[in-house]
């Protein structure tokens, strides 16, 4: 039914704990998806053996040693045993509603992209998955914080949709927004499953040598932006459909988002709006070196 892919960092320290939590949640899904883990960082091969996952150690990297998404997606497209492929950041917990949503959307259309909002929680210990799922849902309700529409951490799509992907670096900016734009540019329905899927992001610190600045202003971040182009920023708000109560319905608010974007372009052309800039001009208030305001990318490699 589904082949789920990820490119984890080394399974050490806190990031190792939350990645193990994520992988355990994926392996607990029913029906269980085929799971492909890419890369050869410490602990990846071991966790694949432990959970019976497929390990793909060889993936093309940038000059700095960061895995490239184009090669990862090409290999996933070639190796997957299913016609529906998913990609999730390796810190995302997925629950039983995820597979129900995948089944509903894949039955609805042959070609699609499914995305959704995430909920951030602080989890610094191994989660006991022998507990009822409701315990994790309750933690998310009581302690979680829903991130904005620009934080896209999981993608489910029909096989072959991303065969022509630029060589984006994993864990840097803008590739996720390009994914949404690319589907829309081909006339493929983009489904926001937020109302039906609770995707839980486990907060973590930065491991980039330059901290947050490296994520947003580093060479690889700027290269991702250049590869994507300045007119490819699309978020969850741009979804053309929504999954609600087991049915896919047209997103009536999508047109308002389109009108707002065109309004900005017109104002910018008339010099009435600041020029488009790929990255925030300064970090959010209170966001320091160890802030969890943004995703932590893979460290640069020598």
Protein backbone atom coordinates (compact mmCIF):
# COMPACT_ATOMS: atom_id res chain seq x y z
CA UNK A 1 0.00 0.00 0.00
CA UNK A 2 2.69 2.53 1.03
CA UNK A 3 6.47 2.78 0.90
CA UNK A 4 7.70 5.25 3.53
CA UNK A 5 11.17 6.80 3.18
CA UNK A 6 13.44 8.83 5.44
CA UNK A 7 17.04 9.99 5.70
CA UNK A 8 17.92 9.91 9.42
CA UNK A 9 20.92 11.40 11.14
CA UNK A 10 23.17 9.36 13.40
CA UNK A 11 21.27 7.55 16.16
CA UNK A 12 23.16 9.19 19.02
CA UNK A 13 22.11 11.40 21.93
CA UNK A 14 18.74 13.11 21.97
CA UNK A 15 18.30 12.99 18.20
CA UNK A 16 18.86 9.24 18.38
CA UNK A 17 16.09 8.90 20.96
CA UNK A 18 13.49 10.83 18.98
CA UNK A 19 14.43 9.15 15.70
CA UNK A 20 13.97 5.75 17.34
CA UNK A 21 10.58 6.95 18.59
CA UNK A 22 9.66 7.98 15.04
CA UNK A 23 10.80 4.72 13.44
CA UNK A 24 8.98 2.71 16.10
CA UNK A 25 5.77 4.61 15.37
CA UNK A 26 6.13 3.91 11.64
CA UNK A 27 6.82 0.22 12.17
CA UNK A 28 3.70 0.05 14.38
CA UNK A 29 1.37 1.31 11.64
CA UNK A 30 -1.31 -1.03 10.33
CA UNK A 31 -1.18 -2.07 7.61
CA UNK A 32 2.57 -1.81 8.06
CA UNK A 33 4.23 0.21 5.29
CA UNK A 34 7.42 -0.79 3.57
CA UNK A 35 10.08 1.44 5.21
CA UNK A 36 13.27 2.54 3.44
CA UNK A 37 15.99 4.29 5.45
CA UNK A 38 18.66 6.06 3.40
CA UNK A 39 22.22 6.85 4.40
CA UNK A 40 24.98 5.23 6.37
CA UNK A 41 25.25 7.35 9.51
CA UNK A 42 25.97 5.48 12.77
CA UNK A 43 23.02 3.39 13.91
CA UNK A 44 21.03 3.43 10.66
CA UNK A 45 21.99 -0.09 9.57
CA UNK A 46 21.46 -1.39 13.11
CA UNK A 47 17.94 -0.03 13.45
CA UNK A 48 17.06 -1.41 10.02
CA UNK A 49 18.12 -4.86 11.14
CA UNK A 50 16.25 -4.51 14.43
CA UNK A 51 12.95 -3.50 12.84
CA UNK A 52 13.28 -5.43 9.59
CA UNK A 53 13.50 -2.31 7.40
CA UNK A 54 15.19 -1.85 4.04
CA UNK A 55 18.53 -0.06 4.27
CA UNK A 56 19.85 1.89 1.29
CA UNK A 57 23.32 3.05 2.43
CA UNK A 58 24.41 4.73 -0.80
CA UNK A 59 22.88 8.10 -1.63
CA UNK A 60 24.44 10.96 -3.59
CA UNK A 61 25.61 13.90 -1.47
CA UNK A 62 26.49 17.56 -1.91
CA UNK A 63 30.09 18.76 -1.76
CA UNK A 64 29.61 19.18 2.00
CA UNK A 65 28.42 15.60 2.45
CA UNK A 66 24.70 16.33 2.86
CA UNK A 67 22.42 13.73 1.20
CA UNK A 68 20.64 14.91 -1.94
CA UNK A 69 16.89 14.55 -2.23
CA UNK A 70 16.87 14.02 -5.99
CA UNK A 71 18.94 10.85 -5.65
CA UNK A 72 16.94 9.67 -2.63
CA UNK A 73 13.62 10.10 -4.43
CA UNK A 74 14.94 8.50 -7.63
CA UNK A 75 16.09 5.43 -5.69
CA UNK A 76 12.82 5.28 -3.77
CA UNK A 77 10.88 5.44 -7.03
CA UNK A 78 12.96 2.57 -8.41
CA UNK A 79 13.03 0.35 -5.32
CA UNK A 80 9.57 0.85 -3.81
CA UNK A 81 7.30 -2.16 -3.76
CA UNK A 82 4.21 0.09 -3.80
CA UNK A 83 2.72 2.73 -6.09
CA UNK A 84 2.26 5.21 -3.23
CA UNK A 85 5.42 6.68 -1.72
CA UNK A 86 5.79 8.72 1.45
CA UNK A 87 8.65 10.79 2.80
CA UNK A 88 8.79 11.94 6.42
CA UNK A 89 11.39 13.78 8.41
CA UNK A 90 12.95 11.32 10.83
CA UNK A 91 11.62 13.11 13.93
CA UNK A 92 7.93 12.76 13.01
CA UNK A 93 5.62 10.40 14.91
CA UNK A 94 2.81 8.94 12.81
CA UNK A 95 -0.30 7.31 14.27
CA UNK A 96 -3.07 5.03 13.02
CA UNK A 97 -4.98 7.88 11.35
CA UNK A 98 -2.09 8.35 8.92
CA UNK A 99 -2.64 5.03 7.14
CA UNK A 100 -6.39 5.57 7.02
CA UNK A 101 -5.80 8.91 5.32
CA UNK A 102 -3.36 7.38 2.83
CA UNK A 103 -5.90 4.70 1.92
CA UNK A 104 -8.71 7.22 1.47
CA UNK A 105 -6.74 9.62 -0.72
CA UNK A 106 -5.09 6.91 -2.83
CA UNK A 107 -8.52 5.44 -3.58
CA UNK A 108 -9.83 8.89 -4.49
CA UNK A 109 -7.23 9.69 -7.15
CA UNK A 110 -4.41 7.86 -8.89
CA UNK A 111 -2.10 10.92 -8.85
CA UNK A 112 -1.98 13.16 -5.78
CA UNK A 113 0.14 14.79 -3.11
CA UNK A 114 -0.96 14.60 0.53
CA UNK A 115 0.55 16.93 3.16
CA UNK A 116 -0.51 18.38 6.52
CA UNK A 117 0.23 20.48 9.57
CA UNK A 118 2.39 19.15 12.38
CA UNK A 119 2.14 19.44 16.15
CA UNK A 120 5.34 20.18 18.11
CA UNK A 121 5.99 18.54 21.47
CA UNK A 122 8.99 18.24 23.77
CA UNK A 123 9.88 14.57 24.16
CA UNK A 124 13.30 13.75 25.59
CA UNK A 125 12.86 10.06 26.41
CA UNK A 126 11.98 6.82 24.62
CA UNK A 127 8.22 6.55 24.24
CA UNK A 128 6.50 3.42 25.50
CA UNK A 129 4.53 2.23 22.48
CA UNK A 130 2.88 -0.52 24.50
CA UNK A 131 0.65 2.24 25.87
CA UNK A 132 -2.64 2.97 24.10
CA UNK A 133 -2.26 5.46 21.28
CA UNK A 134 -4.54 7.84 23.16
CA UNK A 135 -1.73 8.58 25.64
CA UNK A 136 0.35 10.15 22.88
CA UNK A 137 -2.65 12.00 21.51
CA UNK A 138 -3.41 13.37 24.96
CA UNK A 139 0.18 14.60 25.33
CA UNK A 140 -0.11 16.40 22.00
CA UNK A 141 -3.40 18.02 23.02
CA UNK A 142 -2.14 19.16 26.40
CA UNK A 143 1.47 20.09 25.64
CA UNK A 144 1.64 20.43 21.86
CA UNK A 145 1.85 23.49 19.66
CA UNK A 146 0.67 23.51 16.03
CA UNK A 147 3.22 24.98 13.67
CA UNK A 148 2.34 27.21 10.74
CA UNK A 149 1.55 26.29 7.16
CA UNK A 150 5.15 26.60 5.99
CA UNK A 151 6.32 23.65 8.13
CA UNK A 152 5.71 20.67 5.83
CA UNK A 153 7.21 17.52 7.38
CA UNK A 154 5.55 14.65 5.56
CA UNK A 155 4.62 13.99 1.95
CA UNK A 156 2.59 11.14 0.45
CA UNK A 157 2.42 11.01 -3.34
CA UNK A 158 1.86 8.81 -6.33
CA UNK A 159 4.91 7.01 -7.64
CA UNK A 160 6.78 8.86 -10.39
CA UNK A 161 5.59 12.33 -9.37
CA UNK A 162 9.06 13.64 -8.52
CA UNK A 163 11.30 12.12 -11.15
CA UNK A 164 12.58 15.56 -12.22
CA UNK A 165 13.72 17.00 -8.89
CA UNK A 166 16.62 19.45 -8.58
CA UNK A 167 19.57 18.28 -6.43
CA UNK A 168 18.24 19.74 -3.18
CA UNK A 169 20.18 19.20 0.05
CA UNK A 170 18.28 17.34 2.79
CA UNK A 171 17.50 19.39 5.88
CA UNK A 172 17.93 22.81 4.29
CA UNK A 173 15.25 25.29 3.26
CA UNK A 174 12.72 25.60 0.46
CA UNK A 175 12.69 22.10 -1.05
CA UNK A 176 9.48 21.27 0.82
CA UNK A 177 7.69 24.30 -0.62
CA UNK A 178 8.98 23.36 -4.09
CA UNK A 179 7.40 19.91 -3.64
CA UNK A 180 3.96 21.51 -3.21
CA UNK A 181 4.53 23.88 -6.14
CA UNK A 182 5.72 21.08 -8.43
CA UNK A 183 2.56 19.03 -7.87
CA UNK A 184 0.36 22.05 -8.52
CA UNK A 185 2.32 23.01 -11.64
CA UNK A 186 1.47 19.60 -13.11
CA UNK A 187 -2.20 19.89 -12.21
CA UNK A 188 -1.92 17.21 -9.53
CA UNK A 189 -4.38 17.60 -6.61
CA UNK A 190 -2.73 18.66 -3.35
CA UNK A 191 -4.64 17.37 -0.32
CA UNK A 192 -4.34 18.90 3.15
CA UNK A 193 -4.92 16.01 5.58
CA UNK A 194 -4.46 18.06 8.75
CA UNK A 195 -8.03 17.54 9.94
CA UNK A 196 -7.58 13.78 9.74
CA UNK A 197 -3.90 13.17 10.59
CA UNK A 198 -2.07 14.02 13.79
CA UNK A 199 1.60 14.28 12.79
CA UNK A 200 3.76 14.90 15.87
CA UNK A 201 7.12 16.61 15.59
CA UNK A 202 9.54 16.02 18.47
CA UNK A 203 11.47 19.18 19.26
CA UNK A 204 15.25 19.12 19.10
CA UNK A 205 18.26 21.41 19.04
CA UNK A 206 20.36 22.44 16.06
CA UNK A 207 23.33 20.34 15.02
CA UNK A 208 24.45 22.51 12.11
CA UNK A 209 27.96 23.93 12.76
CA UNK A 210 26.56 27.45 12.24
CA UNK A 211 23.34 26.80 14.18
CA UNK A 212 20.15 28.42 12.95
CA UNK A 213 22.03 30.83 10.73
CA UNK A 214 23.48 27.91 8.84
CA UNK A 215 20.03 26.45 8.21
CA UNK A 216 18.64 29.64 6.73
CA UNK A 217 21.66 31.56 5.45
CA UNK A 218 24.23 28.86 4.75
CA UNK A 219 25.59 28.00 1.32
CA UNK A 220 23.40 24.93 0.91
CA UNK A 221 20.28 26.82 1.95
CA UNK A 222 21.01 29.49 -0.64
CA UNK A 223 21.69 26.83 -3.25
CA UNK A 224 18.34 25.17 -2.51
CA UNK A 225 16.65 28.52 -3.02
CA UNK A 226 18.45 29.08 -6.33
CA UNK A 227 17.56 25.58 -7.54
CA UNK A 228 13.90 26.03 -6.65
CA UNK A 229 13.43 29.51 -8.06
CA UNK A 230 11.83 32.52 -6.45
CA UNK A 231 8.27 31.77 -7.58
CA UNK A 232 7.90 28.26 -6.17
CA UNK A 233 7.02 28.97 -2.55
CA UNK A 234 3.88 27.02 -1.73
CA UNK A 235 2.68 25.94 1.71
CA UNK A 236 -0.06 23.80 3.21
CA UNK A 237 -2.45 26.72 2.74
CA UNK A 238 -2.07 26.24 -1.02
CA UNK A 239 -3.66 22.78 -0.91
CA UNK A 240 -6.48 22.52 -3.43
CA UNK A 241 -8.34 19.88 -1.41
CA UNK A 242 -8.88 18.93 2.21
CA UNK A 243 -9.45 15.53 3.79
CA UNK A 244 -12.25 15.78 6.36
CA UNK A 245 -14.23 12.99 8.01
CA UNK A 246 -13.08 10.39 5.55
CA UNK A 247 -13.90 12.43 2.43
CA UNK A 248 -11.77 14.58 0.14
CA UNK A 249 -13.41 17.96 -0.42
CA UNK A 250 -12.34 20.98 -2.43
CA UNK A 251 -10.54 23.62 -0.35
CA UNK A 252 -12.76 26.69 -0.68
CA UNK A 253 -10.09 28.87 0.96
CA UNK A 254 -7.49 28.05 -1.70
CA UNK A 255 -8.74 30.81 -3.97
CA UNK A 256 -8.25 33.40 -1.24
CA UNK A 257 -4.62 32.32 -0.91
CA UNK A 258 -4.10 32.63 -4.68
CA UNK A 259 -5.67 36.10 -4.75
CA UNK A 260 -3.47 37.21 -1.86
CA UNK A 261 -0.34 35.98 -3.65
CA UNK A 262 -1.25 37.74 -6.90
CA UNK A 263 -1.97 40.91 -4.96
CA UNK A 264 1.53 40.80 -3.51
CA UNK A 265 3.05 40.32 -6.96
CA UNK A 266 1.16 43.31 -8.35
CA UNK A 267 2.16 45.50 -5.41
CA UNK A 268 5.76 44.34 -5.74
CA UNK A 269 5.78 45.15 -9.47
CA UNK A 270 4.50 48.65 -8.67
CA UNK A 271 7.16 49.14 -6.03
CA UNK A 272 4.60 49.14 -3.23
CA UNK A 273 5.80 45.93 -1.58
CA UNK A 274 9.25 44.92 -0.33
CA UNK A 275 11.20 42.71 -2.76
CA UNK A 276 10.92 39.00 -2.28
CA UNK A 277 13.70 37.57 -0.16
CA UNK A 278 14.33 33.87 0.25
CA UNK A 279 15.12 33.85 3.97
CA UNK A 280 14.01 35.65 7.15
CA UNK A 281 15.85 38.91 7.65
CA UNK A 282 16.48 38.04 11.29
CA UNK A 283 15.72 35.13 13.63
CA UNK A 284 12.39 35.13 15.46
CA UNK A 285 12.42 36.83 18.84
CA UNK A 286 13.98 34.54 21.42
CA UNK A 287 15.33 32.07 18.86
CA UNK A 288 18.88 31.31 19.84
CA UNK A 289 21.46 28.73 18.96
CA UNK A 290 19.54 25.91 20.64
CA UNK A 291 16.09 27.08 19.66
CA UNK A 292 13.63 24.49 18.36
CA UNK A 293 11.85 27.13 16.29
CA UNK A 294 12.94 25.37 13.10
CA UNK A 295 13.86 21.87 12.05
CA UNK A 296 17.38 20.72 12.80
CA UNK A 297 19.23 19.68 9.67
CA UNK A 298 21.97 17.11 9.29
CA UNK A 299 25.40 18.47 10.26
CA UNK A 300 27.86 19.41 7.55
CA UNK A 301 30.39 16.68 6.87
CA UNK A 302 34.08 17.10 6.26
